[in-house]
All heavy atoms as atom14 arrays in JSON, in Angstrom:
{
  "sequence": "SAVVLHAIIGLGKKLTPDKSRLAIALASALFMLL",
  "atom14_mask": [
    [1, 1, 1, 1, 1, 1, 0, 0, 0, 0, 0, 0, 0, 0],
    [1, 1, 1, 1, 1, 0, 0, 0, 0, 0, 0, 0, 0, 0],
    [1, 1, 1, 1, 1, 1, 1, 0, 0, 0, 0, 0, 0, 0],
    [1, 1, 1, 1, 1, 1, 1, 0, 0, 0, 0, 0, 0, 0],
    [1, 1, 1, 1, 1, 1, 1, 1, 0, 0, 0, 0, 0, 0],
    [1, 1, 1, 1, 1, 1, 1, 1, 1, 1, 0, 0, 0, 0],
    [1, 1, 1, 1, 1, 0, 0, 0, 0, 0, 0, 0, 0, 0],
    [1, 1, 1, 1, 1, 1, 1, 1, 0, 0, 0, 0, 0, 0],
    [1, 1, 1, 1, 1, 1, 1, 1, 0, 0, 0, 0, 0, 0],
    [1, 1, 1, 1, 0, 0, 0, 0, 0, 0, 0, 0, 0, 0],
    [1, 1, 1, 1, 1, 1, 1, 1, 0, 0, 0, 0, 0, 0],
    [1, 1, 1, 1, 0, 0, 0, 0, 0, 0, 0, 0, 0, 0],
    [1, 1, 1, 1, 1, 1, 1, 1, 1, 0, 0, 0, 0, 0],
    [1, 1, 1, 1, 1, 1, 1, 1, 1, 0, 0, 0, 0, 0],
    [1, 1, 1, 1, 1, 1, 1, 1, 0, 0, 0, 0, 0, 0],
    [1, 1, 1, 1, 1, 1, 1, 0, 0, 0, 0, 0, 0, 0],
    [1, 1, 1, 1, 1, 1, 1, 0, 0, 0, 0, 0, 0, 0],
    [1, 1, 1, 1, 1, 1, 1, 1, 0, 0, 0, 0, 0, 0],
    [1, 1, 1, 1, 1, 1, 1, 1, 1, 0, 0, 0, 0, 0],
    [1, 1, 1, 1, 1, 1, 0, 0, 0, 0, 0, 0, 0, 0],
    [1, 1, 1, 1, 1, 1, 1, 1, 1, 1, 1, 0, 0, 0],
    [1, 1, 1, 1, 1, 1, 1, 1, 0, 0, 0, 0, 0, 0],
    [1, 1, 1, 1, 1, 0, 0, 0, 0, 0, 0, 0, 0, 0],
    [1, 1, 1, 1, 1, 1, 1, 1, 0, 0, 0, 0, 0, 0],
    [1, 1, 1, 1, 1, 0, 0, 0, 0, 0, 0, 0, 0, 0],
    [1, 1, 1, 1, 1, 1, 1, 1, 0, 0, 0, 0, 0, 0],
    [1, 1, 1, 1, 1, 0, 0, 0, 0, 0, 0, 0, 0, 0],
    [1, 1, 1, 1, 1, 1, 0, 0, 0, 0, 0, 0, 0, 0],
    [1, 1, 1, 1, 1, 0, 0, 0, 0, 0, 0, 0, 0, 0],
    [1, 1, 1, 1, 1, 1, 1, 1, 0, 0, 0, 0, 0, 0],
    [1, 1, 1, 1, 1, 1, 1, 1, 1, 1, 1, 0, 0, 0],
    [1, 1, 1, 1, 1, 1, 1, 1, 0, 0, 0, 0, 0, 0],
    [1, 1, 1, 1, 1, 1, 1, 1, 0, 0, 0, 0, 0, 0],
    [1, 1, 1, 1, 1, 1, 1, 1, 0, 0, 0, 0, 0, 0]
  ],
  "atom14_positions": [
    [[-3.55, 53.09, 54.57], [-4.58, 52.58, 53.65], [-5.74, 51.96, 54.41], [-6.91, 52.16, 54.07], [-3.95, 51.57, 52.68], [-3.57, 50.38, 53.36], [0.0, 0.0, 0.0], [0.0, 0.0, 0.0], [0.0, 0.0, 0.0], [0.0, 0.0, 0.0], [0.0, 0.0, 0.0], [0.0, 0.0, 0.0], [0.0, 0.0, 0.0], [0.0, 0.0, 0.0]],
    [[-5.45, 51.19, 55.46], [-6.51, 50.57, 56.25], [-7.34, 51.6, 56.99], [-8.57, 51.53, 57.04], [-5.9, 49.57, 57.25], [0.0, 0.0, 0.0], [0.0, 0.0, 0.0], [0.0, 0.0, 0.0], [0.0, 0.0, 0.0], [0.0, 0.0, 0.0], [0.0, 0.0, 0.0], [0.0, 0.0, 0.0], [0.0, 0.0, 0.0], [0.0, 0.0, 0.0]],
    [[-6.67, 52.61, 57.55], [-7.37, 53.65, 58.3], [-8.27, 54.49, 57.4], [-9.41, 54.81, 57.75], [-6.35, 54.55, 59.04], [-7.04, 55.76, 59.65], [-5.65, 53.75, 60.14], [0.0, 0.0, 0.0], [0.0, 0.0, 0.0], [0.0, 0.0, 0.0], [0.0, 0.0, 0.0], [0.0, 0.0, 0.0], [0.0, 0.0, 0.0], [0.0, 0.0, 0.0]],
    [[-7.78, 54.85, 56.21], [-8.57, 55.66, 55.3], [-9.8, 54.89, 54.82], [-10.91, 55.44, 54.75], [-7.72, 56.13, 54.1], [-8.6, 56.8, 53.04], [-6.65, 57.11, 54.57], [0.0, 0.0, 0.0], [0.0, 0.0, 0.0], [0.0, 0.0, 0.0], [0.0, 0.0, 0.0], [0.0, 0.0, 0.0], [0.0, 0.0, 0.0], [0.0, 0.0, 0.0]],
    [[-9.64, 53.61, 54.49], [-10.79, 52.8, 54.07], [-11.82, 52.73, 55.19], [-13.04, 52.85, 54.95], [-10.33, 51.39, 53.68], [-11.45, 50.44, 53.26], [-12.24, 51.0, 52.08], [-10.87, 49.06, 52.91], [0.0, 0.0, 0.0], [0.0, 0.0, 0.0], [0.0, 0.0, 0.0], [0.0, 0.0, 0.0], [0.0, 0.0, 0.0], [0.0, 0.0, 0.0]],
    [[-11.35, 52.54, 56.41], [-12.26, 52.5, 57.55], [-13.0, 53.83, 57.71], [-14.2, 53.87, 57.99], [-11.46, 52.18, 58.82], [-12.29, 52.03, 60.05], [-12.34, 52.98, 61.03], [-13.14, 51.05, 60.44], [-13.16, 52.59, 61.99], [-13.66, 51.43, 61.67], [0.0, 0.0, 0.0], [0.0, 0.0, 0.0], [0.0, 0.0, 0.0], [0.0, 0.0, 0.0]],
    [[-12.29, 54.94, 57.49], [-12.91, 56.26, 57.59], [-13.96, 56.46, 56.51], [-15.03, 57.03, 56.76], [-11.84, 57.34, 57.49], [0.0, 0.0, 0.0], [0.0, 0.0, 0.0], [0.0, 0.0, 0.0], [0.0, 0.0, 0.0], [0.0, 0.0, 0.0], [0.0, 0.0, 0.0], [0.0, 0.0, 0.0], [0.0, 0.0, 0.0], [0.0, 0.0, 0.0]],
    [[-13.67, 55.99, 55.29], [-14.63, 56.12, 54.19], [-15.93, 55.4, 54.53], [-17.03, 55.94, 54.35], [-14.05, 55.55, 52.89], [-12.89, 56.41, 52.39], [-15.12, 55.47, 51.8], [-12.13, 55.8, 51.24], [0.0, 0.0, 0.0], [0.0, 0.0, 0.0], [0.0, 0.0, 0.0], [0.0, 0.0, 0.0], [0.0, 0.0, 0.0], [0.0, 0.0, 0.0]],
    [[-15.83, 54.18, 55.0], [-17.03, 53.4, 55.32], [-17.81, 54.05, 56.45], [-19.04, 54.19, 56.39], [-16.65, 51.96, 55.66], [-16.07, 51.26, 54.42], [-17.85, 51.19, 56.2], [-15.53, 49.89, 54.7], [0.0, 0.0, 0.0], [0.0, 0.0, 0.0], [0.0, 0.0, 0.0], [0.0, 0.0, 0.0], [0.0, 0.0, 0.0], [0.0, 0.0, 0.0]],
    [[-17.1, 54.49, 57.49], [-17.77, 55.13, 58.62], [-18.47, 56.42, 58.21], [-19.63, 56.66, 58.57], [0.0, 0.0, 0.0], [0.0, 0.0, 0.0], [0.0, 0.0, 0.0], [0.0, 0.0, 0.0], [0.0, 0.0, 0.0], [0.0, 0.0, 0.0], [0.0, 0.0, 0.0], [0.0, 0.0, 0.0], [0.0, 0.0, 0.0], [0.0, 0.0, 0.0]],
    [[-17.76, 57.26, 57.45], [-18.37, 58.51, 56.99], [-19.52, 58.23, 56.03], [-20.54, 58.92, 56.05], [-17.32, 59.38, 56.29], [-16.31, 60.1, 57.2], [-15.23, 60.77, 56.35], [-17.01, 61.13, 58.07], [0.0, 0.0, 0.0], [0.0, 0.0, 0.0], [0.0, 0.0, 0.0], [0.0, 0.0, 0.0], [0.0, 0.0, 0.0], [0.0, 0.0, 0.0]],
    [[-19.34, 57.22, 55.16], [-20.39, 56.91, 54.19], [-21.7, 56.52, 54.86], [-22.78, 56.96, 54.45], [0.0, 0.0, 0.0], [0.0, 0.0, 0.0], [0.0, 0.0, 0.0], [0.0, 0.0, 0.0], [0.0, 0.0, 0.0], [0.0, 0.0, 0.0], [0.0, 0.0, 0.0], [0.0, 0.0, 0.0], [0.0, 0.0, 0.0], [0.0, 0.0, 0.0]],
    [[-21.62, 55.71, 55.89], [-22.84, 55.3, 56.61], [-23.54, 56.49, 57.25], [-24.78, 56.57, 57.27], [-22.49, 54.27, 57.69], [-22.12, 52.89, 57.15], [-21.8, 51.94, 58.29], [-21.51, 50.54, 57.78], [-21.18, 49.61, 58.89], [0.0, 0.0, 0.0], [0.0, 0.0, 0.0], [0.0, 0.0, 0.0], [0.0, 0.0, 0.0], [0.0, 0.0, 0.0]],
    [[-22.75, 57.42, 57.74], [-23.32, 58.55, 58.47], [-23.78, 59.67, 57.53], [-24.84, 60.27, 57.74], [-22.28, 59.1, 59.45], [-22.74, 60.29, 60.25], [-21.65, 60.76, 61.19], [-22.1, 61.98, 62.0], [-21.03, 62.47, 62.91], [0.0, 0.0, 0.0], [0.0, 0.0, 0.0], [0.0, 0.0, 0.0], [0.0, 0.0, 0.0], [0.0, 0.0, 0.0]],
    [[-23.0, 59.94, 56.49], [-23.22, 61.13, 55.68], [-23.93, 60.85, 54.36], [-24.38, 61.79, 53.69], [-21.89, 61.84, 55.41], [-21.1, 62.25, 56.65], [-19.8, 62.94, 56.24], [-21.92, 63.17, 57.54], [0.0, 0.0, 0.0], [0.0, 0.0, 0.0], [0.0, 0.0, 0.0], [0.0, 0.0, 0.0], [0.0, 0.0, 0.0], [0.0, 0.0, 0.0]],
    [[-24.01, 59.59, 53.93], [-24.72, 59.27, 52.69], [-25.73, 58.14, 52.94], [-25.62, 57.06, 52.36], [-23.74, 58.86, 51.57], [-22.97, 57.73, 52.01], [-22.8, 59.99, 51.23], [0.0, 0.0, 0.0], [0.0, 0.0, 0.0], [0.0, 0.0, 0.0], [0.0, 0.0, 0.0], [0.0, 0.0, 0.0], [0.0, 0.0, 0.0], [0.0, 0.0, 0.0]],
    [[-26.73, 58.38, 53.78], [-27.67, 57.32, 54.14], [-28.76, 57.06, 53.11], [-29.52, 56.12, 53.26], [-28.28, 57.85, 55.44], [-28.25, 59.34, 55.28], [-26.99, 59.63, 54.52], [0.0, 0.0, 0.0], [0.0, 0.0, 0.0], [0.0, 0.0, 0.0], [0.0, 0.0, 0.0], [0.0, 0.0, 0.0], [0.0, 0.0, 0.0], [0.0, 0.0, 0.0]],
    [[-28.85, 57.91, 52.06], [-29.88, 57.71, 51.04], [-29.26, 57.84, 49.65], [-28.09, 58.23, 49.5], [-31.02, 58.71, 51.22], [-30.53, 60.15, 51.31], [-29.78, 60.57, 50.41], [-30.88, 60.85, 52.27], [0.0, 0.0, 0.0], [0.0, 0.0, 0.0], [0.0, 0.0, 0.0], [0.0, 0.0, 0.0], [0.0, 0.0, 0.0], [0.0, 0.0, 0.0]],
    [[-30.03, 57.5, 48.62], [-29.51, 57.46, 47.25], [-29.11, 58.84, 46.73], [-28.14, 58.95, 45.96], [-30.55, 56.83, 46.32], [-30.79, 55.35, 46.59], [-31.81, 54.77, 45.63], [-32.04, 53.29, 45.9], [-33.06, 52.71, 44.98], [0.0, 0.0, 0.0], [0.0, 0.0, 0.0], [0.0, 0.0, 0.0], [0.0, 0.0, 0.0], [0.0, 0.0, 0.0]],
    [[-29.81, 59.88, 47.12], [-29.48, 61.21, 46.61], [-28.12, 61.67, 47.13], [-27.3, 62.2, 46.36], [-30.57, 62.21, 47.0], [-30.76, 62.22, 48.4], [0.0, 0.0, 0.0], [0.0, 0.0, 0.0], [0.0, 0.0, 0.0], [0.0, 0.0, 0.0], [0.0, 0.0, 0.0], [0.0, 0.0, 0.0], [0.0, 0.0, 0.0], [0.0, 0.0, 0.0]],
    [[-27.86, 61.46, 48.41], [-26.56, 61.85, 48.95], [-25.45, 60.91, 48.47], [-24.31, 61.34, 48.26], [-26.62, 61.88, 50.48], [-27.24, 63.16, 51.01], [-27.37, 63.19, 52.5], [-28.64, 62.58, 52.93], [-29.07, 62.59, 54.18], [-28.34, 63.15, 55.14], [-30.23, 62.03, 54.5], [0.0, 0.0, 0.0], [0.0, 0.0, 0.0], [0.0, 0.0, 0.0]],
    [[-25.78, 59.65, 48.26], [-24.8, 58.72, 47.7], [-24.43, 59.15, 46.28], [-23.25, 59.05, 45.88], [-25.37, 57.31, 47.7], [-24.44, 56.2, 47.2], [-23.17, 56.12, 48.04], [-25.15, 54.85, 47.21], [0.0, 0.0, 0.0], [0.0, 0.0, 0.0], [0.0, 0.0, 0.0], [0.0, 0.0, 0.0], [0.0, 0.0, 0.0], [0.0, 0.0, 0.0]],
    [[-25.39, 59.65, 45.52], [-25.11, 60.12, 44.16], [-24.15, 61.31, 44.18], [-23.25, 61.41, 43.34], [-26.41, 60.51, 43.47], [0.0, 0.0, 0.0], [0.0, 0.0, 0.0], [0.0, 0.0, 0.0], [0.0, 0.0, 0.0], [0.0, 0.0, 0.0], [0.0, 0.0, 0.0], [0.0, 0.0, 0.0], [0.0, 0.0, 0.0], [0.0, 0.0, 0.0]],
    [[-24.32, 62.21, 45.14], [-23.4, 63.34, 45.27], [-21.99, 62.84, 45.58], [-21.0, 63.32, 45.02], [-23.89, 64.31, 46.36], [-25.16, 65.02, 45.9], [-22.81, 65.33, 46.71], [-25.76, 65.94, 46.96], [0.0, 0.0, 0.0], [0.0, 0.0, 0.0], [0.0, 0.0, 0.0], [0.0, 0.0, 0.0], [0.0, 0.0, 0.0], [0.0, 0.0, 0.0]],
    [[-21.91, 61.86, 46.47], [-20.59, 61.31, 46.84], [-19.92, 60.66, 45.63], [-18.72, 60.88, 45.38], [-20.75, 60.29, 47.97], [0.0, 0.0, 0.0], [0.0, 0.0, 0.0], [0.0, 0.0, 0.0], [0.0, 0.0, 0.0], [0.0, 0.0, 0.0], [0.0, 0.0, 0.0], [0.0, 0.0, 0.0], [0.0, 0.0, 0.0], [0.0, 0.0, 0.0]],
    [[-20.67, 59.87, 44.87], [-20.08, 59.19, 43.7], [-19.68, 60.19, 42.63], [-18.6, 60.05, 42.0], [-21.08, 58.18, 43.15], [-21.38, 56.98, 44.04], [-22.47, 56.11, 43.43], [-20.11, 56.16, 44.27], [0.0, 0.0, 0.0], [0.0, 0.0, 0.0], [0.0, 0.0, 0.0], [0.0, 0.0, 0.0], [0.0, 0.0, 0.0], [0.0, 0.0, 0.0]],
    [[-20.51, 61.21, 42.4], [-20.16, 62.24, 41.42], [-18.91, 63.0, 41.86], [-18.04, 63.32, 41.04], [-21.33, 63.21, 41.22], [0.0, 0.0, 0.0], [0.0, 0.0, 0.0], [0.0, 0.0, 0.0], [0.0, 0.0, 0.0], [0.0, 0.0, 0.0], [0.0, 0.0, 0.0], [0.0, 0.0, 0.0], [0.0, 0.0, 0.0], [0.0, 0.0, 0.0]],
    [[-18.79, 63.28, 43.15], [-17.61, 63.97, 43.68], [-16.36, 63.14, 43.47], [-15.3, 63.66, 43.05], [-17.8, 64.26, 45.17], [-18.92, 65.08, 45.39], [0.0, 0.0, 0.0], [0.0, 0.0, 0.0], [0.0, 0.0, 0.0], [0.0, 0.0, 0.0], [0.0, 0.0, 0.0], [0.0, 0.0, 0.0], [0.0, 0.0, 0.0], [0.0, 0.0, 0.0]],
    [[-16.46, 61.83, 43.74], [-15.32, 60.95, 43.53], [-14.93, 60.9, 42.05], [-13.74, 60.95, 41.7], [-15.66, 59.54, 44.03], [0.0, 0.0, 0.0], [0.0, 0.0, 0.0], [0.0, 0.0, 0.0], [0.0, 0.0, 0.0], [0.0, 0.0, 0.0], [0.0, 0.0, 0.0], [0.0, 0.0, 0.0], [0.0, 0.0, 0.0], [0.0, 0.0, 0.0]],
    [[-15.93, 60.83, 41.17], [-15.66, 60.77, 39.73], [-14.9, 62.0, 39.26], [-13.88, 61.89, 38.56], [-16.98, 60.64, 38.98], [-16.9, 60.65, 37.44], [-16.13, 59.43, 36.95], [-18.3, 60.68, 36.84], [0.0, 0.0, 0.0], [0.0, 0.0, 0.0], [0.0, 0.0, 0.0], [0.0, 0.0, 0.0], [0.0, 0.0, 0.0], [0.0, 0.0, 0.0]],
    [[-15.37, 63.17, 39.64], [-14.72, 64.41, 39.21], [-13.3, 64.53, 39.79], [-12.38, 64.99, 39.11], [-15.56, 65.62, 39.6], [-16.66, 65.93, 38.63], [-17.97, 65.58, 38.93], [-16.38, 66.55, 37.42], [-18.99, 65.85, 38.03], [-17.39, 66.82, 36.51], [-18.7, 66.47, 36.82], [0.0, 0.0, 0.0], [0.0, 0.0, 0.0], [0.0, 0.0, 0.0]],
    [[-13.12, 64.1, 41.04], [-11.79, 64.18, 41.63], [-10.81, 63.22, 40.97], [-9.63, 63.53, 40.82], [-11.86, 63.88, 43.13], [-12.36, 65.02, 43.99], [-11.43, 66.56, 43.81], [-9.79, 66.02, 44.24], [0.0, 0.0, 0.0], [0.0, 0.0, 0.0], [0.0, 0.0, 0.0], [0.0, 0.0, 0.0], [0.0, 0.0, 0.0], [0.0, 0.0, 0.0]],
    [[-11.31, 62.05, 40.55], [-10.43, 61.09, 39.88], [-10.05, 61.56, 38.48], [-8.92, 61.36, 38.02], [-11.11, 59.72, 39.82], [-11.24, 58.98, 41.16], [-12.18, 57.79, 41.02], [-9.87, 58.52, 41.65], [0.0, 0.0, 0.0], [0.0, 0.0, 0.0], [0.0, 0.0, 0.0], [0.0, 0.0, 0.0], [0.0, 0.0, 0.0], [0.0, 0.0, 0.0]],
    [[-11.0, 62.2, 37.79], [-10.74, 62.67, 36.42], [-9.98, 63.99, 36.39], [-9.18, 64.23, 35.48], [-12.07, 62.81, 35.67], [-12.85, 61.52, 35.43], [-14.16, 61.81, 34.73], [-12.02, 60.53, 34.6], [0.0, 0.0, 0.0], [0.0, 0.0, 0.0], [0.0, 0.0, 0.0], [0.0, 0.0, 0.0], [0.0, 0.0, 0.0], [0.0, 0.0, 0.0]]
  ]
}
């Protein structure tokens, strides 16, 4: 759990540096959860 959270934050900083890419990430998470 600690390693995965660390990976999420690291990837998020690198791969979602702006609002448009962050929106894609959040939409992806939403669909995967539902």
